[in-house]
PDB file of N, CA and C in Angstrom:
ATOM      1  N   MET A   1     -41.839 -68.449 141.701  1.00  0.00           N
ATOM      2  CA  MET A   1     -42.500 -67.624 140.730  1.00  0.00           C
ATOM      3  C   MET A   1     -43.206 -66.484 141.461  1.00  0.00           C
ATOM      4  N   THR A   2     -43.068 -65.288 140.902  1.00  0.00           N
ATOM      5  CA  THR A   2     -43.730 -64.122 141.474  1.00  0.00           C
ATOM      6  C   THR A   2     -45.061 -63.909 140.766  1.00  0.00           C
ATOM      7  N   ARG A   3     -46.081 -63.631 141.541  1.00  0.00           N
ATOM      8  CA  ARG A   3     -47.391 -63.363 140.953  1.00  0.00           C
ATOM      9  C   ARG A   3     -47.723 -61.892 141.156  1.00  0.00           C
ATOM     10  N   ALA A   4     -48.439 -61.338 140.198  1.00  0.00           N
ATOM     11  CA  ALA A   4     -48.852 -59.946 140.295  1.00  0.00           C
ATOM     12  C   ALA A   4     -50.236 -59.795 139.685  1.00  0.00           C
ATOM     13  N   ALA A   5     -50.989 -58.906 140.225  1.00  0.00           N
ATOM     14  CA  ALA A   5     -52.312 -58.606 139.679  1.00  0.00           C
ATOM     15  C   ALA A   5     -52.272 -57.194 139.112  1.00  0.00           C
ATOM     16  N   PHE A   6     -52.770 -57.045 137.921  1.00  0.00           N
ATOM     17  CA  PHE A   6     -52.811 -55.736 137.276  1.00  0.00           C
ATOM     18  C   PHE A   6     -54.268 -55.385 136.990  1.00  0.00           C
ATOM     19  N   ARG A   7     -54.564 -54.126 137.028  1.00  0.00           N
ATOM     20  CA  ARG A   7     -55.906 -53.679 136.665  1.00  0.00           C
ATOM     21  C   ARG A   7     -55.784 -52.616 135.584  1.00  0.00           C
ATOM     22  N   TYR A   8     -56.803 -52.500 134.788  1.00  0.00           N
ATOM     23  CA  TYR A   8     -56.822 -51.515 133.716  1.00  0.00           C
ATOM     24  C   TYR A   8     -56.994 -50.130 134.333  1.00  0.00           C
ATOM     25  N   VAL A   9     -56.145 -49.204 133.957  1.00  0.00           N
ATOM     26  CA  VAL A   9     -56.199 -47.848 134.505  1.00  0.00           C
ATOM     27  C   VAL A   9     -56.228 -46.852 133.353  1.00  0.00           C
ATOM     28  N   HIS A  10     -57.115 -45.877 133.423  1.00  0.00           N
ATOM     29  CA  HIS A  10     -57.139 -44.777 132.467  1.00  0.00           C
ATOM     30  C   HIS A  10     -56.122 -43.730 132.917  1.00  0.00           C
ATOM     31  N   TRP A  11     -55.358 -43.231 131.979  1.00  0.00           N
ATOM     32  CA  TRP A  11     -54.329 -42.231 132.284  1.00  0.00           C
ATOM     33  C   TRP A  11     -54.660 -40.930 131.577  1.00  0.00           C
ATOM     34  N   THR A  12     -54.237 -39.837 132.191  1.00  0.00           N
ATOM     35  CA  THR A  12     -54.319 -38.533 131.541  1.00  0.00           C
ATOM     36  C   THR A  12     -52.917 -37.950 131.495  1.00  0.00           C
ATOM     37  N   MET A  13     -52.685 -37.100 130.520  1.00  0.00           N
ATOM     38  CA  MET A  13     -51.384 -36.448 130.395  1.00  0.00           C
ATOM     39  C   MET A  13     -51.606 -34.945 130.402  1.00  0.00           C
ATOM     40  N   GLY A  14     -50.819 -34.262 131.215  1.00  0.00           N
ATOM     41  CA  GLY A  14     -50.936 -32.815 131.305  1.00  0.00           C
ATOM     42  C   GLY A  14     -49.582 -32.195 131.596  1.00  0.00           C
ATOM     43  N   ARG A  15     -49.554 -30.909 131.539  1.00  0.00           N
ATOM     44  CA  ARG A  15     -48.310 -30.193 131.834  1.00  0.00           C
ATOM     45  C   ARG A  15     -47.814 -30.515 133.227  1.00  0.00           C
ATOM     46  N   GLU A  16     -46.503 -30.574 133.366  1.00  0.00           N
ATOM     47  CA  GLU A  16     -45.886 -30.800 134.682  1.00  0.00           C
ATOM     48  C   GLU A  16     -46.213 -29.612 135.570  1.00  0.00           C
ATOM     49  N   THR A  17     -46.690 -29.879 136.777  1.00  0.00           N
ATOM     50  CA  THR A  17     -47.091 -28.804 137.688  1.00  0.00           C
ATOM     51  C   THR A  17     -46.174 -28.675 138.896  1.00  0.00           C
ATOM     52  N   ALA A  18     -45.124 -29.485 138.957  1.00  0.00           N
ATOM     53  CA  ALA A  18     -44.197 -29.378 140.088  1.00  0.00           C
ATOM     54  C   ALA A  18     -43.603 -27.975 140.103  1.00  0.00           C
ATOM     55  N   PRO A  19     -43.533 -27.343 141.276  1.00  0.00           N
ATOM     56  CA  PRO A  19     -43.063 -25.957 141.342  1.00  0.00           C
ATOM     57  C   PRO A  19     -41.657 -25.751 140.781  1.00  0.00           C
ATOM     58  N   GLU A  20     -40.805 -26.766 140.858  1.00  0.00           N
ATOM     59  CA  GLU A  20     -39.433 -26.601 140.364  1.00  0.00           C
ATOM     60  C   GLU A  20     -39.310 -26.816 138.856  1.00  0.00           C
ATOM     61  N   ALA A  21     -40.354 -27.304 138.220  1.00  0.00           N
ATOM     62  CA  ALA A  21     -40.291 -27.574 136.778  1.00  0.00           C
ATOM     63  C   ALA A  21     -40.609 -26.308 135.984  1.00  0.00           C
ATOM     64  N   PRO A  22     -39.732 -25.914 135.069  1.00  0.00           N
ATOM     65  CA  PRO A  22     -40.051 -24.757 134.223  1.00  0.00           C
ATOM     66  C   PRO A  22     -41.166 -25.117 133.248  1.00  0.00           C
ATOM     67  N   GLU A  23     -41.885 -24.116 132.765  1.00  0.00           N
ATOM     68  CA  GLU A  23     -42.942 -24.374 131.788  1.00  0.00           C
ATOM     69  C   GLU A  23     -42.336 -24.969 130.521  1.00  0.00           C
ATOM     70  N   MET A  24     -41.239 -24.375 130.066  1.00  0.00           N
ATOM     71  CA  MET A  24     -40.506 -24.915 128.931  1.00  0.00           C
ATOM     72  C   MET A  24     -39.088 -24.375 128.961  1.00  0.00           C
ATOM     73  N   VAL A  25     -38.208 -25.039 128.232  1.00  0.00           N
ATOM     74  CA  VAL A  25     -36.808 -24.648 128.150  1.00  0.00           C
ATOM     75  C   VAL A  25     -36.478 -24.409 126.685  1.00  0.00           C
ATOM     76  N   HIS A  26     -35.755 -23.318 126.411  1.00  0.00           N
ATOM     77  CA  HIS A  26     -35.392 -22.948 125.039  1.00  0.00           C
ATOM     78  C   HIS A  26     -33.886 -23.080 124.855  1.00  0.00           C
ATOM     79  N   GLU A  27     -33.507 -23.485 123.661  1.00  0.00           N
ATOM     80  CA  GLU A  27     -32.093 -23.529 123.313  1.00  0.00           C
ATOM     81  C   GLU A  27     -31.968 -23.176 121.841  1.00  0.00           C
ATOM     82  N   MET A  28     -30.959 -22.391 121.502  1.00  0.00           N
ATOM     83  CA  MET A  28     -30.679 -22.065 120.105  1.00  0.00           C
ATOM     84  C   MET A  28     -29.406 -22.781 119.697  1.00  0.00           C
ATOM     85  N   GLU A  29     -29.397 -23.279 118.467  1.00  0.00           N
ATOM     86  CA  GLU A  29     -28.238 -23.972 117.930  1.00  0.00           C
ATOM     87  C   GLU A  29     -27.900 -23.380 116.571  1.00  0.00           C
ATOM     88  N   CYS A  30     -26.657 -22.991 116.380  1.00  0.00           N
ATOM     89  CA  CYS A  30     -26.192 -22.448 115.110  1.00  0.00           C
ATOM     90  C   CYS A  30     -26.147 -23.594 114.094  1.00  0.00           C
ATOM     91  N   THR A  31     -26.791 -23.422 112.960  1.00  0.00           N
ATOM     92  CA  THR A  31     -26.793 -24.472 111.946  1.00  0.00           C
ATOM     93  C   THR A  31     -25.531 -24.454 111.086  1.00  0.00           C
ATOM     94  N   THR A  32     -24.664 -23.456 111.287  1.00  0.00           N
ATOM     95  CA  THR A  32     -23.397 -23.401 110.563  1.00  0.00           C
ATOM     96  C   THR A  32     -22.317 -24.186 111.297  1.00  0.00           C
ATOM     97  N   CYS A  33     -22.193 -23.963 112.621  1.00  0.00           N
ATOM     98  CA  CYS A  33     -21.097 -24.593 113.376  1.00  0.00           C
ATOM     99  C   CYS A  33     -21.583 -25.477 114.526  1.00  0.00           C
ATOM    100  N   ASN A  34     -22.893 -25.560 114.730  1.00  0.00           N
ATOM    101  CA  ASN A  34     -23.501 -26.363 115.800  1.00  0.00           C
ATOM    102  C   ASN A  34     -23.221 -25.856 117.214  1.00  0.00           C
ATOM    103  N   ALA A  35     -22.744 -24.627 117.358  1.00  0.00           N
ATOM    104  CA  ALA A  35     -22.598 -24.031 118.692  1.00  0.00           C
ATOM    105  C   ALA A  35     -23.993 -23.886 119.298  1.00  0.00           C
ATOM    106  N   GLU A  36     -24.094 -23.967 120.621  1.00  0.00           N
ATOM    107  CA  GLU A  36     -25.389 -23.927 121.300  1.00  0.00           C
ATOM    108  C   GLU A  36     -25.426 -22.871 122.394  1.00  0.00           C
ATOM    109  N   SER A  37     -26.592 -22.330 122.601  1.00  0.00           N
ATOM    110  CA  SER A  37     -26.785 -21.330 123.653  1.00  0.00           C
ATOM    111  C   SER A  37     -26.804 -21.956 125.035  1.00  0.00           C
ATOM    112  N   GLY A  38     -27.091 -23.242 125.105  1.00  0.00           N
ATOM    113  CA  GLY A  38     -27.348 -23.886 126.390  1.00  0.00           C
ATOM    114  C   GLY A  38     -28.822 -23.708 126.730  1.00  0.00           C
ATOM    115  N   ALA A  39     -29.339 -24.568 127.565  1.00  0.00           N
ATOM    116  CA  ALA A  39     -30.755 -24.533 127.938  1.00  0.00           C
ATOM    117  C   ALA A  39     -31.054 -23.283 128.756  1.00  0.00           C
ATOM    118  N   GLN A  40     -32.109 -22.582 128.376  1.00  0.00           N
ATOM    119  CA  GLN A  40     -32.512 -21.333 129.035  1.00  0.00           C
ATOM    120  C   GLN A  40     -34.001 -21.393 129.363  1.00  0.00           C
ATOM    121  N   ASP A  41     -34.372 -21.009 130.568  1.00  0.00           N
ATOM    122  CA  ASP A  41     -35.795 -20.930 130.918  1.00  0.00           C
ATOM    123  C   ASP A  41     -36.476 -19.792 130.175  1.00  0.00           C
ATOM    124  N   ASP A  42     -35.700 -18.782 129.805  1.00  0.00           N
ATOM    125  CA  ASP A  42     -36.220 -17.586 129.162  1.00  0.00           C
ATOM    126  C   ASP A  42     -35.809 -17.553 127.688  1.00  0.00           C
ATOM    127  N   PHE A  43     -36.784 -17.468 126.770  1.00  0.00           N
ATOM    128  CA  PHE A  43     -36.487 -17.425 125.341  1.00  0.00           C
ATOM    129  C   PHE A  43     -35.566 -16.263 124.991  1.00  0.00           C
ATOM    130  N   GLU A  44     -35.763 -15.116 125.649  1.00  0.00           N
ATOM    131  CA  GLU A  44     -34.955 -13.934 125.335  1.00  0.00           C
ATOM    132  C   GLU A  44     -33.463 -14.201 125.549  1.00  0.00           C
ATOM    133  N   ALA A  45     -33.104 -14.972 126.560  1.00  0.00           N
ATOM    134  CA  ALA A  45     -31.697 -15.284 126.814  1.00  0.00           C
ATOM    135  C   ALA A  45     -31.120 -16.126 125.676  1.00  0.00           C
ATOM    136  N   ALA A  46     -31.890 -17.089 125.182  1.00  0.00           N
ATOM    137  CA  ALA A  46     -31.435 -17.912 124.058  1.00  0.00           C
ATOM    138  C   ALA A  46     -31.324 -17.061 122.793  1.00  0.00           C
ATOM    139  N   ARG A  47     -32.283 -16.183 122.582  1.00  0.00           N
ATOM    140  CA  ARG A  47     -32.250 -15.310 121.408  1.00  0.00           C
ATOM    141  C   ARG A  47     -31.084 -14.333 121.477  1.00  0.00           C
ATOM    142  N   ASP A  48     -30.812 -13.784 122.647  1.00  0.00           N
ATOM    143  CA  ASP A  48     -29.674 -12.875 122.811  1.00  0.00           C
ATOM    144  C   ASP A  48     -28.365 -13.576 122.477  1.00  0.00           C
ATOM    145  N   TRP A  49     -28.263 -14.855 122.862  1.00  0.00           N
ATOM    146  CA  TRP A  49     -27.060 -15.620 122.524  1.00  0.00           C
ATOM    147  C   TRP A  49     -26.897 -15.693 121.002  1.00  0.00           C
ATOM    148  N   ALA A  50     -27.989 -15.934 120.279  1.00  0.00           N
ATOM    149  CA  ALA A  50     -27.927 -16.032 118.815  1.00  0.00           C
ATOM    150  C   ALA A  50     -27.461 -14.706 118.204  1.00  0.00           C
ATOM    151  N   PHE A  51     -27.968 -13.586 118.701  1.00  0.00           N
ATOM    152  CA  PHE A  51     -27.520 -12.278 118.194  1.00  0.00           C
ATOM    153  C   PHE A  51     -26.022 -12.092 118.450  1.00  0.00           C
ATOM    154  N   ALA A  52     -25.573 -12.455 119.651  1.00  0.00           N
ATOM    155  CA  ALA A  52     -24.153 -12.306 119.983  1.00  0.00           C
ATOM    156  C   ALA A  52     -23.293 -13.247 119.128  1.00  0.00           C
ATOM    157  N   HIS A  53     -23.795 -14.442 118.886  1.00  0.00           N
ATOM    158  CA  HIS A  53     -23.035 -15.404 118.084  1.00  0.00           C
ATOM    159  C   HIS A  53     -22.883 -14.908 116.647  1.00  0.00           C
ATOM    160  N   THR A  54     -23.950 -14.378 116.074  1.00  0.00           N
ATOM    161  CA  THR A  54     -23.857 -13.823 114.716  1.00  0.00           C
ATOM    162  C   THR A  54     -22.978 -12.586 114.716  1.00  0.00           C
ATOM    163  N   GLY A  55     -23.030 -11.802 115.785  1.00  0.00           N
ATOM    164  CA  GLY A  55     -22.167 -10.620 115.886  1.00  0.00           C
ATOM    165  C   GLY A  55     -20.697 -10.993 115.814  1.00  0.00           C
ATOM    166  N   GLY A  56     -20.329 -12.097 116.418  1.00  0.00           N
ATOM    167  CA  GLY A  56     -18.942 -12.545 116.387  1.00  0.00           C
ATOM    168  C   GLY A  56     -18.603 -13.405 115.178  1.00  0.00           C
ATOM    169  N   ASN A  57     -19.627 -13.884 114.490  1.00  0.00           N
ATOM    170  CA  ASN A  57     -19.461 -14.770 113.325  1.00  0.00           C
ATOM    171  C   ASN A  57     -20.470 -14.358 112.262  1.00  0.00           C
ATOM    172  N   PRO A  58     -20.232 -13.258 111.541  1.00  0.00           N
ATOM    173  CA  PRO A  58     -21.238 -12.705 110.632  1.00  0.00           C
ATOM    174  C   PRO A  58     -21.781 -13.657 109.570  1.00  0.00           C
ATOM    175  N   SER A  59     -21.039 -14.693 109.231  1.00  0.00           N
ATOM    176  CA  SER A  59     -21.557 -15.626 108.221  1.00  0.00           C
ATOM    177  C   SER A  59     -22.472 -16.699 108.828  1.00  0.00           C
ATOM    178  N   HIS A  60     -22.600 -16.729 110.168  1.00  0.00           N
ATOM    179  CA  HIS A  60     -23.461 -17.712 110.854  1.00  0.00           C
ATOM    180  C   HIS A  60     -24.834 -17.077 111.045  1.00  0.00           C
ATOM    181  N   ARG A  61     -25.742 -17.387 110.143  1.00  0.00           N
ATOM    182  CA  ARG A  61     -27.041 -16.704 110.148  1.00  0.00           C
ATOM    183  C   ARG A  61     -28.237 -17.621 110.373  1.00  0.00           C
ATOM    184  N   GLY A  62     -28.014 -18.923 110.366  1.00  0.00           N
ATOM    185  CA  GLY A  62     -29.119 -19.869 110.550  1.00  0.00           C
ATOM    186  C   GLY A  62     -29.094 -20.479 111.933  1.00  0.00           C
ATOM    187  N   TYR A  63     -30.274 -20.613 112.534  1.00  0.00           N
ATOM    188  CA  TYR A  63     -30.393 -21.167 113.886  1.00  0.00           C
ATOM    189  C   TYR A  63     -31.559 -22.122 113.967  1.00  0.00           C
ATOM    190  N   ARG A  64     -31.431 -23.061 114.847  1.00  0.00           N
ATOM    191  CA  ARG A  64     -32.491 -24.021 115.135  1.00  0.00           C
ATOM    192  C   ARG A  64     -32.887 -23.805 116.590  1.00  0.00           C
ATOM    193  N   GLU A  65     -34.181 -23.635 116.831  1.00  0.00           N
ATOM    194  CA  GLU A  65     -34.647 -23.531 118.215  1.00  0.00           C
ATOM    195  C   GLU A  65     -35.046 -24.925 118.694  1.00  0.00           C
ATOM    196  N   ILE A  66     -34.573 -25.286 119.857  1.00  0.00           N
ATOM    197  CA  ILE A  66     -34.930 -26.558 120.486  1.00  0.00           C
ATOM    198  C   ILE A  66     -35.752 -26.205 121.722  1.00  0.00           C
ATOM    199  N   VAL A  67     -36.985 -26.682 121.755  1.00  0.00           N
ATOM    200  CA  VAL A  67     -37.892 -26.377 122.870  1.00  0.00           C
ATOM    201  C   VAL A  67     -38.217 -27.671 123.600  1.00  0.00           C
ATOM    202  N   THR A  68     -38.070 -27.643 124.904  1.00  0.00           N
ATOM    203  CA  THR A  68     -38.411 -28.796 125.735  1.00  0.00           C
ATOM    204  C   THR A  68     -39.565 -28.398 126.633  1.00  0.00           C
ATOM    205  N   ARG A  69     -40.630 -29.183 126.589  1.00  0.00           N
ATOM    206  CA  ARG A  69     -41.780 -28.987 127.480  1.00  0.00           C
ATOM    207  C   ARG A  69     -41.860 -30.194 128.395  1.00  0.00           C
ATOM    208  N   PHE A  70     -42.332 -29.988 129.596  1.00  0.00           N
ATOM    209  CA  PHE A  70     -42.393 -31.042 130.592  1.00  0.00           C
ATOM    210  C   PHE A  70     -43.834 -31.481 130.813  1.00  0.00           C
ATOM    211  N   TRP A  71     -44.054 -32.794 130.791  1.00  0.00           N
ATOM    212  CA  TRP A  71     -45.387 -33.383 130.912  1.00  0.00           C
ATOM    213  C   TRP A  71     -45.391 -34.438 132.006  1.00  0.00           C
ATOM    214  N   ARG A  72     -46.565 -34.750 132.511  1.00  0.00           N
ATOM    215  CA  ARG A  72     -46.705 -35.769 133.551  1.00  0.00           C
ATOM    216  C   ARG A  72     -47.923 -36.632 133.231  1.00  0.00           C
ATOM    217  N   MET A  73     -47.729 -37.942 133.376  1.00  0.00           N
ATOM    218  CA  MET A  73     -48.844 -38.893 133.248  1.00  0.00           C
ATOM    219  C   MET A  73     -49.419 -39.132 134.631  1.00  0.00           C
ATOM    220  N   THR A  74     -50.735 -39.122 134.728  1.00  0.00           N
ATOM    221  CA  THR A  74     -51.420 -39.307 136.008  1.00  0.00           C
ATOM    222  C   THR A  74     -52.554 -40.319 135.833  1.00  0.00           C
ATOM    223  N   PRO A  75     -52.636 -41.289 136.721  1.00  0.00           N
ATOM    224  CA  PRO A  75     -53.764 -42.212 136.628  1.00  0.00           C
ATOM    225  C   PRO A  75     -55.078 -41.458 136.896  1.00  0.00           C
ATOM    226  N   GLU A  76     -56.122 -41.839 136.198  1.00  0.00           N
ATOM    227  CA  GLU A  76     -57.405 -41.167 136.359  1.00  0.00           C
ATOM    228  C   GLU A  76     -57.812 -41.197 137.832  1.00  0.00           C
ATOM    229  N   GLY A  77     -58.266 -40.102 138.325  1.00  0.00           N
ATOM    230  CA  GLY A  77     -58.636 -39.998 139.734  1.00  0.00           C
ATOM    231  C   GLY A  77     -57.470 -39.539 140.607  1.00  0.00           C
ATOM    232  N   GLY A  78     -56.278 -39.392 140.010  1.00  0.00           N
ATOM    233  CA  GLY A  78     -55.128 -38.895 140.736  1.00  0.00           C
ATOM    234  C   GLY A  78     -54.453 -39.883 141.665  1.00  0.00           C
ATOM    235  N   GLY A  79     -54.919 -41.116 141.705  1.00  0.00           N
ATOM    236  CA  GLY A  79     -54.311 -42.095 142.603  1.00  0.00           C
ATOM    237  C   GLY A  79     -53.025 -42.660 142.061  1.00  0.00           C
ATOM    238  N   GLY A  80     -52.401 -43.490 142.815  1.00  0.00           N
ATOM    239  CA  GLY A  80     -51.168 -44.167 142.375  1.00  0.00           C
ATOM    240  C   GLY A  80     -49.943 -43.324 142.613  1.00  0.00           C
ATOM    241  N   THR A  81     -48.808 -43.873 142.164  1.00  0.00           N
ATOM    242  CA  THR A  81     -47.542 -43.161 142.328  1.00  0.00           C
ATOM    243  C   THR A  81     -46.920 -42.889 141.006  1.00  0.00           C
TER     244      THR A  81
END
């Protein structure tokens, strides 16, 4: 039998601060055909895709924006892994 000791730890949640992590990722999805812009760090790139998609498909006028934000849980005091 394996034994383990656990202690109560307070956690905080905040934005991911790793240098390689983007602040957020944007994606546009056509609600007519479900075509997607692909994940973009820059909202303007996702929006430009939507304009181009409607330009090639004039009846495709509805879009859904999908936004991904990155968060990190940290034990109070910054300790642990």
